[in-house]
PDB file of N, CA and C in Angstrom:
ATOM      1  N   UNK A   1     118.990 -88.454  75.499  1.00  0.00           N
ATOM      2  CA  UNK A   1     119.940 -87.928  74.517  1.00  0.00           C
ATOM      3  C   UNK A   1     120.402 -86.582  75.632  1.00  0.00           C
ATOM      4  N   UNK A   2     119.900 -86.257  76.736  1.00  0.00           N
ATOM      5  CA  UNK A   2     120.558 -85.230  77.222  1.00  0.00           C
ATOM      6  C   UNK A   2     122.150 -86.236  78.421  1.00  0.00           C
ATOM      7  N   UNK A   3     121.323 -87.410  78.592  1.00  0.00           N
ATOM      8  CA  UNK A   3     122.828 -88.155  79.376  1.00  0.00           C
ATOM      9  C   UNK A   3     123.653 -88.665  78.340  1.00  0.00           C
ATOM     10  N   UNK A   4     123.928 -88.624  76.892  1.00  0.00           N
ATOM     11  CA  UNK A   4     124.792 -88.839  76.383  1.00  0.00           C
ATOM     12  C   UNK A   4     125.545 -87.632  76.257  1.00  0.00           C
ATOM     13  N   UNK A   5     124.954 -86.190  76.238  1.00  0.00           N
ATOM     14  CA  UNK A   5     125.847 -84.870  76.317  1.00  0.00           C
ATOM     15  C   UNK A   5     126.708 -84.445  77.836  1.00  0.00           C
ATOM     16  N   UNK A   6     127.424 -85.308  77.715  1.00  0.00           N
ATOM     17  CA  UNK A   6     127.998 -85.100  79.471  1.00  0.00           C
ATOM     18  C   UNK A   6     128.405 -83.826  79.450  1.00  0.00           C
ATOM     19  N   UNK A   7     128.676 -83.592  78.501  1.00  0.00           N
ATOM     20  CA  UNK A   7     129.626 -81.966  78.806  1.00  0.00           C
ATOM     21  C   UNK A   7     128.339 -80.371  78.948  1.00  0.00           C
ATOM     22  N   UNK A   8     127.313 -81.033  78.359  1.00  0.00           N
ATOM     23  CA  UNK A   8     126.057 -80.136  78.194  1.00  0.00           C
ATOM     24  C   UNK A   8     126.144 -79.219  76.951  1.00  0.00           C
ATOM     25  N   UNK A   9     127.049 -79.968  75.989  1.00  0.00           N
ATOM     26  CA  UNK A   9     127.087 -78.549  74.968  1.00  0.00           C
ATOM     27  C   UNK A   9     126.058 -78.404  74.846  1.00  0.00           C
ATOM     28  N   UNK A  10     124.427 -79.127  74.226  1.00  0.00           N
ATOM     29  CA  UNK A  10     123.314 -79.108  73.992  1.00  0.00           C
ATOM     30  C   UNK A  10     122.257 -78.876  74.545  1.00  0.00           C
ATOM     31  N   UNK A  11     122.661 -78.457  75.634  1.00  0.00           N
ATOM     32  CA  UNK A  11     121.405 -78.418  76.604  1.00  0.00           C
ATOM     33  C   UNK A  11     121.100 -76.883  76.923  1.00  0.00           C
ATOM     34  N   UNK A  12     121.578 -76.284  76.989  1.00  0.00           N
ATOM     35  CA  UNK A  12     121.047 -75.097  77.302  1.00  0.00           C
ATOM     36  C   UNK A  12     121.014 -73.750  75.100  1.00  0.00           C
ATOM     37  N   UNK A  13     119.857 -72.653  76.197  1.00  0.00           N
ATOM     38  CA  UNK A  13     120.275 -72.324  74.547  1.00  0.00           C
ATOM     39  C   UNK A  13     121.168 -71.446  74.192  1.00  0.00           C
ATOM     40  N   UNK A  14     121.764 -71.094  73.309  1.00  0.00           N
ATOM     41  CA  UNK A  14     123.049 -70.446  72.840  1.00  0.00           C
ATOM     42  C   UNK A  14     123.077 -68.941  72.586  1.00  0.00           C
ATOM     43  N   UNK A  15     123.791 -68.047  73.083  1.00  0.00           N
ATOM     44  CA  UNK A  15     123.116 -66.783  72.716  1.00  0.00           C
ATOM     45  C   UNK A  15     124.300 -65.938  72.419  1.00  0.00           C
ATOM     46  N   UNK A  16     124.161 -64.762  71.868  1.00  0.00           N
ATOM     47  CA  UNK A  16     125.535 -63.946  71.017  1.00  0.00           C
ATOM     48  C   UNK A  16     126.745 -64.072  72.255  1.00  0.00           C
ATOM     49  N   UNK A  17     126.220 -63.624  73.441  1.00  0.00           N
ATOM     50  CA  UNK A  17     126.832 -63.638  74.608  1.00  0.00           C
ATOM     51  C   UNK A  17     128.083 -64.507  75.302  1.00  0.00           C
ATOM     52  N   UNK A  18     127.425 -65.746  74.307  1.00  0.00           N
ATOM     53  CA  UNK A  18     128.570 -67.056  75.183  1.00  0.00           C
ATOM     54  C   UNK A  18     129.311 -67.195  73.340  1.00  0.00           C
ATOM     55  N   UNK A  19     128.450 -67.311  72.532  1.00  0.00           N
ATOM     56  CA  UNK A  19     129.301 -67.415  71.425  1.00  0.00           C
ATOM     57  C   UNK A  19     128.618 -66.161  70.352  1.00  0.00           C
ATOM     58  N   UNK A  20     130.045 -65.354  70.325  1.00  0.00           N
ATOM     59  CA  UNK A  20     129.612 -63.953  69.295  1.00  0.00           C
ATOM     60  C   UNK A  20     129.025 -64.858  67.781  1.00  0.00           C
ATOM     61  N   UNK A  21     128.086 -63.545  67.478  1.00  0.00           N
ATOM     62  CA  UNK A  21     127.378 -63.482  66.250  1.00  0.00           C
ATOM     63  C   UNK A  21     126.886 -64.940  65.591  1.00  0.00           C
ATOM     64  N   UNK A  22     126.446 -65.945  66.557  1.00  0.00           N
ATOM     65  CA  UNK A  22     125.471 -67.330  66.526  1.00  0.00           C
ATOM     66  C   UNK A  22     124.055 -66.693  65.794  1.00  0.00           C
ATOM     67  N   UNK A  23     123.743 -65.783  66.287  1.00  0.00           N
ATOM     68  CA  UNK A  23     122.577 -65.386  65.541  1.00  0.00           C
ATOM     69  C   UNK A  23     122.518 -64.913  64.279  1.00  0.00           C
ATOM     70  N   UNK A  24     123.904 -64.312  63.656  1.00  0.00           N
ATOM     71  CA  UNK A  24     124.027 -64.243  62.254  1.00  0.00           C
ATOM     72  C   UNK A  24     124.191 -65.602  61.519  1.00  0.00           C
ATOM     73  N   UNK A  25     124.522 -66.356  62.085  1.00  0.00           N
ATOM     74  CA  UNK A  25     124.820 -67.835  61.490  1.00  0.00           C
ATOM     75  C   UNK A  25     123.752 -68.786  61.535  1.00  0.00           C
ATOM     76  N   UNK A  26     122.698 -68.981  62.617  1.00  0.00           N
ATOM     77  CA  UNK A  26     121.943 -69.637  63.030  1.00  0.00           C
ATOM     78  C   UNK A  26     120.897 -68.878  63.282  1.00  0.00           C
ATOM     79  N   UNK A  27     119.847 -68.972  61.908  1.00  0.00           N
ATOM     80  CA  UNK A  27     118.462 -68.271  62.504  1.00  0.00           C
ATOM     81  C   UNK A  27     117.522 -69.221  62.770  1.00  0.00           C
ATOM     82  N   UNK A  28     117.321 -70.280  63.462  1.00  0.00           N
ATOM     83  CA  UNK A  28     116.009 -70.791  64.384  1.00  0.00           C
ATOM     84  C   UNK A  28     117.049 -72.066  65.530  1.00  0.00           C
ATOM     85  N   UNK A  29     117.370 -71.012  66.110  1.00  0.00           N
ATOM     86  CA  UNK A  29     118.526 -72.059  67.508  1.00  0.00           C
ATOM     87  C   UNK A  29     117.402 -73.131  68.094  1.00  0.00           C
ATOM     88  N   UNK A  30     117.915 -73.904  68.793  1.00  0.00           N
ATOM     89  CA  UNK A  30     117.112 -75.012  69.529  1.00  0.00           C
ATOM     90  C   UNK A  30     118.087 -75.331  70.397  1.00  0.00           C
ATOM     91  N   UNK A  31     117.463 -76.348  71.696  1.00  0.00           N
ATOM     92  CA  UNK A  31     118.429 -76.901  72.440  1.00  0.00           C
ATOM     93  C   UNK A  31     117.789 -77.779  72.787  1.00  0.00           C
ATOM     94  N   UNK A  32     118.611 -79.200  73.709  1.00  0.00           N
ATOM     95  CA  UNK A  32     117.708 -80.084  74.787  1.00  0.00           C
ATOM     96  C   UNK A  32     116.785 -79.476  75.523  1.00  0.00           C
ATOM     97  N   UNK A  33     117.053 -78.114  76.560  1.00  0.00           N
ATOM     98  CA  UNK A  33     116.009 -77.532  77.248  1.00  0.00           C
ATOM     99  C   UNK A  33     114.764 -77.380  76.430  1.00  0.00           C
ATOM    100  N   UNK A  34     114.838 -76.635  75.246  1.00  0.00           N
ATOM    101  CA  UNK A  34     113.530 -76.202  74.461  1.00  0.00           C
ATOM    102  C   UNK A  34     112.657 -77.709  73.694  1.00  0.00           C
ATOM    103  N   UNK A  35     113.865 -78.407  73.557  1.00  0.00           N
ATOM    104  CA  UNK A  35     113.026 -79.632  72.968  1.00  0.00           C
ATOM    105  C   UNK A  35     111.926 -80.586  74.184  1.00  0.00           C
ATOM    106  N   UNK A  36     112.578 -80.648  75.429  1.00  0.00           N
ATOM    107  CA  UNK A  36     112.109 -80.989  76.034  1.00  0.00           C
ATOM    108  C   UNK A  36     111.312 -80.555  77.228  1.00  0.00           C
ATOM    109  N   UNK A  37     110.999 -78.847  76.883  1.00  0.00           N
ATOM    110  CA  UNK A  37     109.887 -78.372  77.016  1.00  0.00           C
ATOM    111  C   UNK A  37     108.808 -78.693  76.227  1.00  0.00           C
ATOM    112  N   UNK A  38     109.121 -78.414  75.133  1.00  0.00           N
ATOM    113  CA  UNK A  38     107.927 -78.966  73.676  1.00  0.00           C
ATOM    114  C   UNK A  38     107.188 -80.244  73.809  1.00  0.00           C
ATOM    115  N   UNK A  39     108.335 -81.214  74.272  1.00  0.00           N
ATOM    116  CA  UNK A  39     107.910 -82.373  74.546  1.00  0.00           C
ATOM    117  C   UNK A  39     106.379 -82.825  75.748  1.00  0.00           C
ATOM    118  N   UNK A  40     107.240 -81.959  77.109  1.00  0.00           N
ATOM    119  CA  UNK A  40     106.402 -82.119  78.230  1.00  0.00           C
ATOM    120  C   UNK A  40     104.822 -81.364  77.754  1.00  0.00           C
ATOM    121  N   UNK A  41     105.207 -79.856  77.047  1.00  0.00           N
ATOM    122  CA  UNK A  41     103.799 -79.281  76.365  1.00  0.00           C
ATOM    123  C   UNK A  41     103.064 -79.954  75.552  1.00  0.00           C
ATOM    124  N   UNK A  42     103.195 -81.189  74.866  1.00  0.00           N
ATOM    125  CA  UNK A  42     103.003 -82.052  74.058  1.00  0.00           C
ATOM    126  C   UNK A  42     102.665 -80.661  73.017  1.00  0.00           C
ATOM    127  N   UNK A  43     103.845 -80.355  72.641  1.00  0.00           N
ATOM    128  CA  UNK A  43     103.681 -79.297  71.392  1.00  0.00           C
ATOM    129  C   UNK A  43     104.181 -80.087  69.856  1.00  0.00           C
ATOM    130  N   UNK A  44     104.476 -81.085  70.102  1.00  0.00           N
ATOM    131  CA  UNK A  44     105.101 -82.253  68.973  1.00  0.00           C
ATOM    132  C   UNK A  44     103.480 -82.940  68.370  1.00  0.00           C
ATOM    133  N   UNK A  45     103.268 -83.282  67.118  1.00  0.00           N
ATOM    134  CA  UNK A  45     101.999 -84.227  66.928  1.00  0.00           C
ATOM    135  C   UNK A  45     102.484 -85.406  66.398  1.00  0.00           C
ATOM    136  N   UNK A  46     104.478 -85.388  66.068  1.00  0.00           N
ATOM    137  CA  UNK A  46     104.660 -86.772  65.678  1.00  0.00           C
ATOM    138  C   UNK A  46     105.870 -86.859  65.990  1.00  0.00           C
ATOM    139  N   UNK A  47     106.473 -87.827  66.383  1.00  0.00           N
ATOM    140  CA  UNK A  47     108.069 -87.968  66.204  1.00  0.00           C
ATOM    141  C   UNK A  47     108.956 -87.714  64.816  1.00  0.00           C
ATOM    142  N   UNK A  48     107.928 -87.307  63.916  1.00  0.00           N
ATOM    143  CA  UNK A  48     108.759 -86.676  62.896  1.00  0.00           C
ATOM    144  C   UNK A  48     109.008 -85.244  63.475  1.00  0.00           C
ATOM    145  N   UNK A  49     108.092 -84.209  63.872  1.00  0.00           N
ATOM    146  CA  UNK A  49     108.420 -83.079  64.507  1.00  0.00           C
ATOM    147  C   UNK A  49     109.773 -82.944  65.526  1.00  0.00           C
ATOM    148  N   UNK A  50     109.384 -83.900  66.428  1.00  0.00           N
ATOM    149  CA  UNK A  50     110.573 -84.305  67.402  1.00  0.00           C
ATOM    150  C   UNK A  50     111.809 -84.441  66.895  1.00  0.00           C
ATOM    151  N   UNK A  51     112.165 -85.024  65.673  1.00  0.00           N
ATOM    152  CA  UNK A  51     113.174 -85.714  64.994  1.00  0.00           C
ATOM    153  C   UNK A  51     113.970 -84.429  64.413  1.00  0.00           C
ATOM    154  N   UNK A  52     113.115 -83.528  63.825  1.00  0.00           N
ATOM    155  CA  UNK A  52     113.669 -82.378  62.832  1.00  0.00           C
ATOM    156  C   UNK A  52     113.842 -81.602  64.311  1.00  0.00           C
ATOM    157  N   UNK A  53     113.541 -81.510  65.113  1.00  0.00           N
ATOM    158  CA  UNK A  53     114.354 -80.306  66.624  1.00  0.00           C
ATOM    159  C   UNK A  53     115.464 -80.793  66.299  1.00  0.00           C
ATOM    160  N   UNK A  54     115.410 -82.052  66.954  1.00  0.00           N
ATOM    161  CA  UNK A  54     116.768 -82.912  67.268  1.00  0.00           C
ATOM    162  C   UNK A  54     118.070 -82.868  66.020  1.00  0.00           C
ATOM    163  N   UNK A  55     117.235 -83.211  64.674  1.00  0.00           N
ATOM    164  CA  UNK A  55     118.523 -82.840  63.712  1.00  0.00           C
ATOM    165  C   UNK A  55     118.597 -80.920  63.322  1.00  0.00           C
ATOM    166  N   UNK A  56     117.695 -80.388  63.794  1.00  0.00           N
ATOM    167  CA  UNK A  56     118.221 -79.197  63.619  1.00  0.00           C
ATOM    168  C   UNK A  56     119.313 -78.698  64.730  1.00  0.00           C
ATOM    169  N   UNK A  57     119.045 -79.195  66.035  1.00  0.00           N
ATOM    170  CA  UNK A  57     120.095 -78.631  66.679  1.00  0.00           C
ATOM    171  C   UNK A  57     121.259 -79.016  66.610  1.00  0.00           C
ATOM    172  N   UNK A  58     121.334 -80.231  66.042  1.00  0.00           N
ATOM    173  CA  UNK A  58     122.972 -80.677  65.757  1.00  0.00           C
ATOM    174  C   UNK A  58     123.210 -80.250  63.939  1.00  0.00           C
ATOM    175  N   UNK A  59     122.135 -79.900  63.461  1.00  0.00           N
ATOM    176  CA  UNK A  59     122.884 -78.833  61.709  1.00  0.00           C
ATOM    177  C   UNK A  59     123.657 -77.404  62.376  1.00  0.00           C
ATOM    178  N   UNK A  60     122.254 -77.133  63.447  1.00  0.00           N
ATOM    179  CA  UNK A  60     123.102 -75.485  63.563  1.00  0.00           C
ATOM    180  C   UNK A  60     124.577 -75.603  64.556  1.00  0.00           C
ATOM    181  N   UNK A  61     124.827 -76.659  64.990  1.00  0.00           N
ATOM    182  CA  UNK A  61     126.584 -76.879  65.501  1.00  0.00           C
ATOM    183  C   UNK A  61     127.025 -77.187  64.533  1.00  0.00           C
ATOM    184  N   UNK A  62     127.062 -77.739  63.513  1.00  0.00           N
ATOM    185  CA  UNK A  62     127.453 -78.275  62.602  1.00  0.00           C
ATOM    186  C   UNK A  62     128.006 -77.070  61.545  1.00  0.00           C
ATOM    187  N   UNK A  63     126.813 -76.467  61.144  1.00  0.00           N
ATOM    188  CA  UNK A  63     127.066 -75.123  60.675  1.00  0.00           C
ATOM    189  C   UNK A  63     127.993 -73.491  61.012  1.00  0.00           C
ATOM    190  N   UNK A  64     127.718 -73.604  62.349  1.00  0.00           N
ATOM    191  CA  UNK A  64     128.561 -72.432  62.681  1.00  0.00           C
ATOM    192  C   UNK A  64     129.834 -72.653  63.198  1.00  0.00           C
ATOM    193  N   UNK A  65     130.389 -74.025  63.689  1.00  0.00           N
ATOM    194  CA  UNK A  65     131.523 -74.673  63.983  1.00  0.00           C
ATOM    195  C   UNK A  65     131.998 -75.124  62.293  1.00  0.00           C
ATOM    196  N   UNK A  66     132.337 -74.125  61.821  1.00  0.00           N
ATOM    197  CA  UNK A  66     133.322 -74.416  60.767  1.00  0.00           C
ATOM    198  C   UNK A  66     134.977 -73.998  60.963  1.00  0.00           C
ATOM    199  N   UNK A  67     135.511 -74.541  60.257  1.00  0.00           N
ATOM    200  CA  UNK A  67     137.225 -74.308  59.864  1.00  0.00           C
ATOM    201  C   UNK A  67     137.744 -75.314  60.882  1.00  0.00           C
ATOM    202  N   UNK A  68     138.982 -75.371  61.015  1.00  0.00           N
ATOM    203  CA  UNK A  68     139.655 -76.223  62.202  1.00  0.00           C
ATOM    204  C   UNK A  68     139.200 -76.091  63.202  1.00  0.00           C
ATOM    205  N   UNK A  69     139.306 -74.685  63.720  1.00  0.00           N
ATOM    206  CA  UNK A  69     138.435 -75.008  65.157  1.00  0.00           C
ATOM    207  C   UNK A  69     137.636 -75.406  66.083  1.00  0.00           C
ATOM    208  N   UNK A  70     136.650 -75.770  64.885  1.00  0.00           N
ATOM    209  CA  UNK A  70     134.801 -75.883  65.448  1.00  0.00           C
ATOM    210  C   UNK A  70     135.044 -77.656  65.038  1.00  0.00           C
ATOM    211  N   UNK A  71     136.583 -78.375  64.655  1.00  0.00           N
ATOM    212  CA  UNK A  71     135.905 -79.593  64.543  1.00  0.00           C
ATOM    213  C   UNK A  71     135.443 -80.316  65.608  1.00  0.00           C
ATOM    214  N   UNK A  72     136.109 -80.129  66.556  1.00  0.00           N
ATOM    215  CA  UNK A  72     135.656 -81.336  68.322  1.00  0.00           C
ATOM    216  C   UNK A  72     134.116 -81.144  67.950  1.00  0.00           C
ATOM    217  N   UNK A  73     133.868 -79.631  68.083  1.00  0.00           N
ATOM    218  CA  UNK A  73     132.110 -79.397  68.139  1.00  0.00           C
ATOM    219  C   UNK A  73     131.024 -80.250  66.994  1.00  0.00           C
ATOM    220  N   UNK A  74     131.796 -79.863  66.073  1.00  0.00           N
ATOM    221  CA  UNK A  74     131.607 -80.860  64.987  1.00  0.00           C
ATOM    222  C   UNK A  74     131.157 -82.184  64.975  1.00  0.00           C
ATOM    223  N   UNK A  75     132.246 -83.046  65.135  1.00  0.00           N
ATOM    224  CA  UNK A  75     132.745 -84.201  65.785  1.00  0.00           C
ATOM    225  C   UNK A  75     131.483 -84.820  66.938  1.00  0.00           C
ATOM    226  N   UNK A  76     131.151 -83.839  68.270  1.00  0.00           N
ATOM    227  CA  UNK A  76     130.277 -83.854  69.045  1.00  0.00           C
ATOM    228  C   UNK A  76     128.794 -84.062  68.856  1.00  0.00           C
ATOM    229  N   UNK A  77     128.574 -83.638  67.829  1.00  0.00           N
ATOM    230  CA  UNK A  77     127.231 -83.077  66.908  1.00  0.00           C
ATOM    231  C   UNK A  77     127.076 -84.362  66.109  1.00  0.00           C
ATOM    232  N   UNK A  78     128.033 -85.202  65.545  1.00  0.00           N
ATOM    233  CA  UNK A  78     127.775 -85.808  64.558  1.00  0.00           C
ATOM    234  C   UNK A  78     127.718 -87.418  65.177  1.00  0.00           C
ATOM    235  N   UNK A  79     128.337 -87.221  66.295  1.00  0.00           N
ATOM    236  CA  UNK A  79     128.463 -88.363  67.277  1.00  0.00           C
ATOM    237  C   UNK A  79     126.898 -88.275  67.974  1.00  0.00           C
TER     238      UNK A  79
END
């Protein structure tokens, strides 16, 4: 997953300092780094739990990046 994210859009946690008011929109943030940590620590009891986190990461991106200015980010999440 990280290899296909060549611009590291989803690698690191998103903060309000990086993206204003992100926490007001996204209530359960997650990124590739968090998912990797959970996998290494064997915190997933099933592939479905892993898939839920991956889907949440992309849904968060789509939910936050509304309007014309967010189309590129939404397209990346859907890709």
